[in-house]
C-alpha atoms as a PDB file:
ATOM      1  CA  MET A   1       0.312  -0.008  -0.123  1.00  0.00           C
ATOM      2  CA  LYS A   2       0.920   3.395  -0.293  1.00  0.00           C
ATOM      3  CA  LEU A   3       0.117   6.350   1.950  1.00  0.00           C
ATOM      4  CA  VAL A   4       0.173   9.872   0.559  1.00  0.00           C
ATOM      5  CA  ILE A   5       0.570  12.578   3.110  1.00  0.00           C
ATOM      6  CA  GLY A   6       1.391  16.442   3.319  1.00  0.00           C
ATOM      7  CA  ASN A   7       4.041  17.874   5.708  1.00  0.00           C
ATOM      8  CA  LYS A   8       4.687  16.085   8.908  1.00  0.00           C
ATOM      9  CA  ASN A   9       4.980  19.714  10.777  1.00  0.00           C
ATOM     10  CA  TYR A  10       2.029  20.905   9.575  1.00  0.00           C
ATOM     11  CA  SER A  11      -0.350  18.233   8.365  1.00  0.00           C
ATOM     12  CA  SER A  12      -2.737  16.525  11.178  1.00  0.00           C
ATOM     13  CA  TRP A  13      -4.991  15.220   8.729  1.00  0.00           C
ATOM     14  CA  SER A  14      -1.853  13.200   7.439  1.00  0.00           C
ATOM     15  CA  MET A  15      -0.695  11.837  11.012  1.00  0.00           C
ATOM     16  CA  ARG A  16      -3.684  10.244  11.840  1.00  0.00           C
ATOM     17  CA  PRO A  17      -3.472   7.174   9.430  1.00  0.00           C
ATOM     18  CA  TRP A  18       0.305   7.166   9.251  1.00  0.00           C
ATOM     19  CA  VAL A  19       0.399   6.837  13.294  1.00  0.00           C
ATOM     20  CA  ALA A  20      -2.186   4.310  12.932  1.00  0.00           C
ATOM     21  CA  LEU A  21      -0.505   2.126  10.320  1.00  0.00           C
ATOM     22  CA  ARG A  22       2.905   2.678  11.790  1.00  0.00           C
ATOM     23  CA  GLN A  23       1.937   1.575  15.384  1.00  0.00           C
ATOM     24  CA  ALA A  24       0.059  -1.282  14.067  1.00  0.00           C
ATOM     25  CA  ALA A  25       3.154  -2.404  11.932  1.00  0.00           C
ATOM     26  CA  ILE A  26       0.974  -2.352   9.010  1.00  0.00           C
ATOM     27  CA  PRO A  27       3.546  -2.003   5.871  1.00  0.00           C
ATOM     28  CA  PHE A  28       3.067   0.782   3.570  1.00  0.00           C
ATOM     29  CA  GLU A  29       4.958   2.824   1.428  1.00  0.00           C
ATOM     30  CA  GLU A  30       5.054   6.809   2.207  1.00  0.00           C
ATOM     31  CA  VAL A  31       4.540   9.082  -0.375  1.00  0.00           C
ATOM     32  CA  LEU A  32       5.092  12.720   0.934  1.00  0.00           C
ATOM     33  CA  LEU A  33       3.878  15.966  -1.126  1.00  0.00           C
ATOM     34  CA  GLU A  34       4.946  19.123   0.211  1.00  0.00           C
ATOM     35  CA  PHE A  35       2.500  22.063   0.622  1.00  0.00           C
ATOM     36  CA  GLY A  36       2.671  25.153  -1.584  1.00  0.00           C
ATOM     37  CA  ASP A  37       2.505  28.547  -0.810  1.00  0.00           C
ATOM     38  CA  ASP A  38      -1.383  28.439  -0.850  1.00  0.00           C
ATOM     39  CA  GLY A  39      -1.491  25.413   1.596  1.00  0.00           C
ATOM     40  CA  LYS A  40      -2.246  22.981  -1.094  1.00  0.00           C
ATOM     41  CA  PRO A  41      -0.328  19.586  -1.479  1.00  0.00           C
ATOM     42  CA  ARG A  42       1.831  19.596  -5.096  1.00  0.00           C
ATOM     43  CA  GLY A  43       0.899  17.183  -7.290  1.00  0.00           C
ATOM     44  CA  VAL A  44      -1.872  15.663  -5.013  1.00  0.00           C
ATOM     45  CA  GLU A  45      -4.112  15.640  -8.115  1.00  0.00           C
ATOM     46  CA  ARG A  46      -1.897  12.491  -9.376  1.00  0.00           C
ATOM     47  CA  TYR A  47      -3.253  10.505  -6.305  1.00  0.00           C
ATOM     48  CA  SER A  48      -6.580  11.696  -4.841  1.00  0.00           C
ATOM     49  CA  PRO A  49      -9.801  12.626  -6.454  1.00  0.00           C
ATOM     50  CA  ALA A  50     -10.584  15.172  -3.491  1.00  0.00           C
ATOM     51  CA  ARG A  51      -7.313  16.834  -4.138  1.00  0.00           C
ATOM     52  CA  LYS A  52      -6.422  16.421  -0.095  1.00  0.00           C
ATOM     53  CA  VAL A  53      -4.173  14.795   1.715  1.00  0.00           C
ATOM     54  CA  PRO A  54      -3.829  11.656   3.158  1.00  0.00           C
ATOM     55  CA  ALA A  55      -4.900   9.158   0.564  1.00  0.00           C
ATOM     56  CA  LEU A  56      -4.428   5.267   0.728  1.00  0.00           C
ATOM     57  CA  ILE A  57      -3.560   3.452  -2.269  1.00  0.00           C
ATOM     58  CA  LEU A  58      -4.150  -0.139  -2.278  1.00  0.00           C
ATOM     59  CA  ASP A  59      -2.476  -2.928  -3.715  1.00  0.00           C
ATOM     60  CA  ASP A  60      -4.959  -3.095  -6.815  1.00  0.00           C
ATOM     61  CA  GLY A  61      -4.973   0.714  -6.885  1.00  0.00           C
ATOM     62  CA  GLU A  62      -8.232   1.576  -5.525  1.00  0.00           C
ATOM     63  CA  VAL A  63      -7.680   5.028  -3.811  1.00  0.00           C
ATOM     64  CA  ILE A  64      -9.245   5.725  -0.222  1.00  0.00           C
ATOM     65  CA  TRP A  65      -8.779   9.417   0.593  1.00  0.00           C
ATOM     66  CA  ASP A  66     -10.391  10.589   3.871  1.00  0.00           C
ATOM     67  CA  SER A  67      -8.425  10.071   7.006  1.00  0.00           C
ATOM     68  CA  LEU A  68     -11.205   8.217   9.053  1.00  0.00           C
ATOM     69  CA  ALA A  69     -11.991   6.197   5.796  1.00  0.00           C
ATOM     70  CA  ILE A  70      -8.315   5.114   5.698  1.00  0.00           C
ATOM     71  CA  CYS A  71      -8.203   3.898   9.200  1.00  0.00           C
ATOM     72  CA  GLU A  72     -11.697   2.031   8.970  1.00  0.00           C
ATOM     73  CA  THR A  73      -9.857   0.296   6.045  1.00  0.00           C
ATOM     74  CA  ALA A  74      -7.121  -0.577   7.711  1.00  0.00           C
ATOM     75  CA  ALA A  75      -8.992  -1.997  10.404  1.00  0.00           C
ATOM     76  CA  GLU A  76     -11.088  -3.964   7.962  1.00  0.00           C
ATOM     77  CA  LEU A  77      -8.040  -5.362   6.042  1.00  0.00           C
ATOM     78  CA  HIS A  78      -6.090  -6.079   9.012  1.00  0.00           C
ATOM     79  CA  PRO A  79      -8.452  -7.096  12.159  1.00  0.00           C
ATOM     80  CA  GLU A  80      -5.970  -9.009  13.923  1.00  0.00           C
ATOM     81  CA  LYS A  81      -4.091  -5.687  14.520  1.00  0.00           C
ATOM     82  CA  ALA A  82      -7.283  -4.605  17.011  1.00  0.00           C
ATOM     83  CA  LEU A  83      -7.237  -1.014  15.800  1.00  0.00           C
ATOM     84  CA  TRP A  84     -10.555  -0.693  17.511  1.00  0.00           C
ATOM     85  CA  PRO A  85     -11.471  -1.660  21.016  1.00  0.00           C
ATOM     86  CA  ALA A  86     -12.916  -5.316  21.081  1.00  0.00           C
ATOM     87  CA  ALA A  87     -15.880  -4.712  23.550  1.00  0.00           C
ATOM     88  CA  PRO A  88     -19.128  -3.608  21.895  1.00  0.00           C
ATOM     89  CA  ALA A  89     -19.615  -0.180  24.045  1.00  0.00           C
ATOM     90  CA  ALA A  90     -15.816   0.686  23.881  1.00  0.00           C
ATOM     91  CA  ARG A  91     -15.613   0.343  20.290  1.00  0.00           C
ATOM     92  CA  ARG A  92     -18.902   2.686  19.879  1.00  0.00           C
ATOM     93  CA  ALA A  93     -17.395   4.990  22.108  1.00  0.00           C
ATOM     94  CA  ALA A  94     -14.436   5.125  20.037  1.00  0.00           C
ATOM     95  CA  ARG A  95     -15.609   5.406  16.783  1.00  0.00           C
ATOM     96  CA  ALA A  96     -17.963   8.527  18.390  1.00  0.00           C
ATOM     97  CA  VAL A  97     -15.276  10.571  19.542  1.00  0.00           C
ATOM     98  CA  CYS A  98     -13.010  10.082  16.334  1.00  0.00           C
ATOM     99  CA  ALA A  99     -16.036  11.107  14.334  1.00  0.00           C
ATOM    100  CA  GLU A 100     -16.444  13.948  16.723  1.00  0.00           C
ATOM    101  CA  MET A 101     -12.375  14.877  16.163  1.00  0.00           C
ATOM    102  CA  HIS A 102     -13.141  14.550  12.521  1.00  0.00           C
ATOM    103  CA  SER A 103     -15.952  16.921  12.223  1.00  0.00           C
ATOM    104  CA  GLY A 104     -15.550  19.450  14.932  1.00  0.00           C
ATOM    105  CA  PHE A 105     -13.270  21.509  16.833  1.00  0.00           C
ATOM    106  CA  GLN A 106     -13.211  24.243  14.149  1.00  0.00           C
ATOM    107  CA  ALA A 107     -11.879  27.027  16.545  1.00  0.00           C
ATOM    108  CA  LEU A 108      -9.120  24.715  17.844  1.00  0.00           C
ATOM    109  CA  ARG A 109      -8.050  23.913  14.076  1.00  0.00           C
ATOM    110  CA  ASP A 110      -8.256  27.694  13.386  1.00  0.00           C
ATOM    111  CA  HIS A 111      -6.280  29.273  16.422  1.00  0.00           C
ATOM    112  CA  LEU A 112      -4.426  26.457  17.285  1.00  0.00           C
ATOM    113  CA  VAL A 113      -2.670  25.195  14.173  1.00  0.00           C
ATOM    114  CA  MET A 114      -0.664  22.222  13.821  1.00  0.00           C
ATOM    115  CA  ASN A 115       3.064  23.211  13.875  1.00  0.00           C
ATOM    116  CA  ILE A 116       5.276  20.314  15.521  1.00  0.00           C
ATOM    117  CA  ARG A 117       8.602  22.482  15.461  1.00  0.00           C
ATOM    118  CA  SER A 118       7.375  25.693  16.714  1.00  0.00           C
ATOM    119  CA  SER A 119       6.687  27.341  19.999  1.00  0.00           C
ATOM    120  CA  HIS A 120       3.836  29.742  20.710  1.00  0.00           C
ATOM    121  CA  PRO A 121       3.078  29.707  24.406  1.00  0.00           C
ATOM    122  CA  GLY A 122      -0.585  31.062  25.197  1.00  0.00           C
ATOM    123  CA  LYS A 123      -1.249  31.967  21.437  1.00  0.00           C
ATOM    124  CA  GLY A 124      -4.599  31.174  19.836  1.00  0.00           C
ATOM    125  CA  ILE A 125      -6.165  30.658  23.053  1.00  0.00           C
ATOM    126  CA  ASN A 126      -9.497  32.563  23.419  1.00  0.00           C
ATOM    127  CA  PRO A 127     -13.066  31.874  24.368  1.00  0.00           C
ATOM    128  CA  GLN A 128     -13.870  29.600  21.339  1.00  0.00           C
ATOM    129  CA  SER A 129     -10.732  27.812  21.111  1.00  0.00           C
ATOM    130  CA  GLN A 130     -10.884  27.391  24.900  1.00  0.00           C
ATOM    131  CA  LYS A 131     -14.465  25.629  24.654  1.00  0.00           C
ATOM    132  CA  ASP A 132     -12.890  23.234  22.163  1.00  0.00           C
ATOM    133  CA  ILE A 133      -9.834  22.514  24.548  1.00  0.00           C
ATOM    134  CA  ASP A 134     -12.211  21.929  27.462  1.00  0.00           C
ATOM    135  CA  ARG A 135     -14.130  19.289  25.170  1.00  0.00           C
ATOM    136  CA  VAL A 136     -11.276  17.699  24.185  1.00  0.00           C
ATOM    137  CA  VAL A 137      -9.973  17.079  27.981  1.00  0.00           C
ATOM    138  CA  GLU A 138     -13.580  15.797  28.671  1.00  0.00           C
ATOM    139  CA  ILE A 139     -13.360  13.523  26.050  1.00  0.00           C
ATOM    140  CA  TRP A 140     -10.108  12.001  27.240  1.00  0.00           C
ATOM    141  CA  ARG A 141     -11.286  12.145  30.865  1.00  0.00           C
ATOM    142  CA  SER A 142     -14.477  10.128  30.059  1.00  0.00           C
ATOM    143  CA  CYS A 143     -12.684   7.654  27.997  1.00  0.00           C
ATOM    144  CA  ARG A 144     -10.196   6.972  30.294  1.00  0.00           C
ATOM    145  CA  ALA A 145     -12.601   6.683  33.196  1.00  0.00           C
ATOM    146  CA  ARG A 146     -15.166   4.473  31.535  1.00  0.00           C
ATOM    147  CA  PHE A 147     -12.329   2.108  29.095  1.00  0.00           C
ATOM    148  CA  GLY A 148      -8.736   2.789  30.084  1.00  0.00           C
ATOM    149  CA  SER A 149      -7.960   0.793  32.974  1.00  0.00           C
ATOM    150  CA  ALA A 150      -5.851  -1.388  31.102  1.00  0.00           C
ATOM    151  CA  GLY A 151      -3.226   1.024  30.113  1.00  0.00           C
ATOM    152  CA  GLY A 152      -2.337   4.805  29.647  1.00  0.00           C
ATOM    153  CA  LEU A 153      -4.593   5.192  26.407  1.00  0.00           C
ATOM    154  CA  LEU A 154      -7.954   6.370  25.905  1.00  0.00           C
ATOM    155  CA  PHE A 155      -9.166   2.589  25.674  1.00  0.00           C
ATOM    156  CA  GLY A 156      -6.306   1.435  27.528  1.00  0.00           C
ATOM    157  CA  SER A 157      -4.539  -0.285  24.502  1.00  0.00           C
ATOM    158  CA  PHE A 158      -3.529   1.817  21.072  1.00  0.00           C
ATOM    159  CA  SER A 159      -6.497   2.405  18.977  1.00  0.00           C
ATOM    160  CA  ILE A 160      -7.755   4.437  16.236  1.00  0.00           C
ATOM    161  CA  ALA A 161      -8.816   7.001  18.684  1.00  0.00           C
ATOM    162  CA  ASP A 162      -5.337   7.703  19.814  1.00  0.00           C
ATOM    163  CA  ALA A 163      -4.048   8.121  16.361  1.00  0.00           C
ATOM    164  CA  PHE A 164      -6.965  10.736  16.011  1.00  0.00           C
ATOM    165  CA  TYR A 165      -6.162  12.855  19.097  1.00  0.00           C
ATOM    166  CA  ALA A 166      -2.493  12.639  18.557  1.00  0.00           C
ATOM    167  CA  PRO A 167      -2.252  15.743  16.446  1.00  0.00           C
ATOM    168  CA  VAL A 168      -4.060  17.416  19.110  1.00  0.00           C
ATOM    169  CA  VAL A 169      -1.241  16.617  21.634  1.00  0.00           C
ATOM    170  CA  THR A 170       1.150  18.010  19.597  1.00  0.00           C
ATOM    171  CA  ARG A 171      -0.807  21.302  19.264  1.00  0.00           C
ATOM    172  CA  PHE A 172      -1.191  21.523  23.213  1.00  0.00           C
ATOM    173  CA  ASP A 173       2.538  21.255  23.305  1.00  0.00           C
ATOM    174  CA  THR A 174       3.137  24.034  20.439  1.00  0.00           C
ATOM    175  CA  TYR A 175       0.776  26.531  22.388  1.00  0.00           C
ATOM    176  CA  ALA A 176       1.590  25.309  25.817  1.00  0.00           C
ATOM    177  CA  VAL A 177      -1.886  24.691  26.852  1.00  0.00           C
ATOM    178  CA  PRO A 178      -2.845  24.548  30.446  1.00  0.00           C
ATOM    179  CA  LEU A 179      -4.115  21.104  31.181  1.00  0.00           C
ATOM    180  CA  PRO A 180      -5.403  19.449  34.265  1.00  0.00           C
ATOM    181  CA  LYS A 181      -3.249  16.140  35.837  1.00  0.00           C
ATOM    182  CA  GLU A 182      -5.132  13.588  33.788  1.00  0.00           C
ATOM    183  CA  ALA A 183      -4.931  15.250  30.528  1.00  0.00           C
ATOM    184  CA  ARG A 184      -1.218  15.555  30.826  1.00  0.00           C
ATOM    185  CA  GLU A 185      -0.655  12.037  31.809  1.00  0.00           C
ATOM    186  CA  TYR A 186      -2.696  11.092  28.333  1.00  0.00           C
ATOM    187  CA  CYS A 187      -0.408  13.493  26.311  1.00  0.00           C
ATOM    188  CA  GLU A 188       2.687  11.934  28.172  1.00  0.00           C
ATOM    189  CA  ALA A 189       1.354   8.087  27.061  1.00  0.00           C
ATOM    190  CA  VAL A 190       0.649   9.460  23.641  1.00  0.00           C
ATOM    191  CA  HIS A 191       4.215  10.675  23.396  1.00  0.00           C
ATOM    192  CA  ARG A 192       5.582   7.190  24.173  1.00  0.00           C
ATOM    193  CA  LEU A 193       4.260   5.780  21.196  1.00  0.00           C
ATOM    194  CA  SER A 194       6.869   4.797  18.823  1.00  0.00           C
ATOM    195  CA  ALA A 195       4.943   6.111  16.052  1.00  0.00           C
ATOM    196  CA  VAL A 196       4.394   9.298  17.278  1.00  0.00           C
ATOM    197  CA  ARG A 197       7.840   9.735  18.137  1.00  0.00           C
ATOM    198  CA  GLU A 198       8.922   8.914  14.792  1.00  0.00           C
ATOM    199  CA  TRP A 199       6.317  11.552  13.283  1.00  0.00           C
ATOM    200  CA  ILE A 200       7.431  14.332  15.529  1.00  0.00           C
ATOM    201  CA  GLU A 201      11.174  13.757  15.079  1.00  0.00           C
ATOM    202  CA  ALA A 202      10.671  14.119  11.058  1.00  0.00           C
ATOM    203  CA  ALA A 203       8.650  16.990  11.588  1.00  0.00           C
ATOM    204  CA  ARG A 204      11.419  18.987  13.476  1.00  0.00           C
ATOM    205  CA  ARG A 205      13.504  18.051  10.555  1.00  0.00           C
ATOM    206  CA  GLU A 206      11.668  19.446   7.955  1.00  0.00           C
ATOM    207  CA  THR A 207      12.354  22.953   6.761  1.00  0.00           C
ATOM    208  CA  GLY A 208       9.649  24.207   4.737  1.00  0.00           C
ATOM    209  CA  PHE A 209       7.652  27.117   5.421  1.00  0.00           C
ATOM    210  CA  VAL A 210       4.060  27.426   4.803  1.00  0.00           C
ATOM    211  CA  ALA A 211       2.612  30.838   5.044  1.00  0.00           C
ATOM    212  CA  ALA A 212      -1.072  29.724   5.374  1.00  0.00           C
ATOM    213  CA  ASP A 213      -0.016  27.350   8.194  1.00  0.00           C
ATOM    214  CA  GLU A 214       2.162  30.071  10.288  1.00  0.00           C
ATOM    215  CA  PRO A 215      -0.324  32.636  11.667  1.00  0.00           C
ATOM    216  CA  TYR A 216       1.965  33.522  14.409  1.00  0.00           C
ATOM    217  CA  ALA A 217       5.448  33.709  12.957  1.00  0.00           C
ATOM    218  CA  SER A 218       7.389  35.465   9.860  1.00  0.00           C
ATOM    219  CA  ARG A 219       9.615  33.775   7.441  1.00  0.00           C
END
């Protein structure tokens, strides 16, 4: 399989399926398309009908072009990897919190844009983004309390849900978001994932500057 992604420093959508596949040790070839000054990945029309990253190209050439659909496809193709929790109630909750992240949190996206190699303490935190931050923290608290007793992640062991919230963990780092103890502990557990560490290290080595994703810096 091939996974087409954008800059690791900026692309939260790409990070989610990349972390899911890598952490589960599902083999894939990475195709990285750098963002242009307009914030769009160069050459993406060759790979994705949606003209966006990420996109997964299966061995038979079929293309899946949405981050959640890619993760669902990986879970279907590799049930032995247990990318969703086994217990029905936990699995339903995991799907719900992934879908909420997939479709919501616009203020968080707009004001705390993903930028792993930068540090902007306190930037972007306003009443709207704080509301999103509070909701994320509540999701983490609820999942950990209901389903996380077997480990440090949202549902104990690694799942697609952790891949979906990994970019948020990087945002909280970049903007030094104050967090309660439970949320900080979850962030630490996410940082211990080998796939997350690998992504972050690669992001910090990138040198490309995309003005559309740098609202708090100058070149």
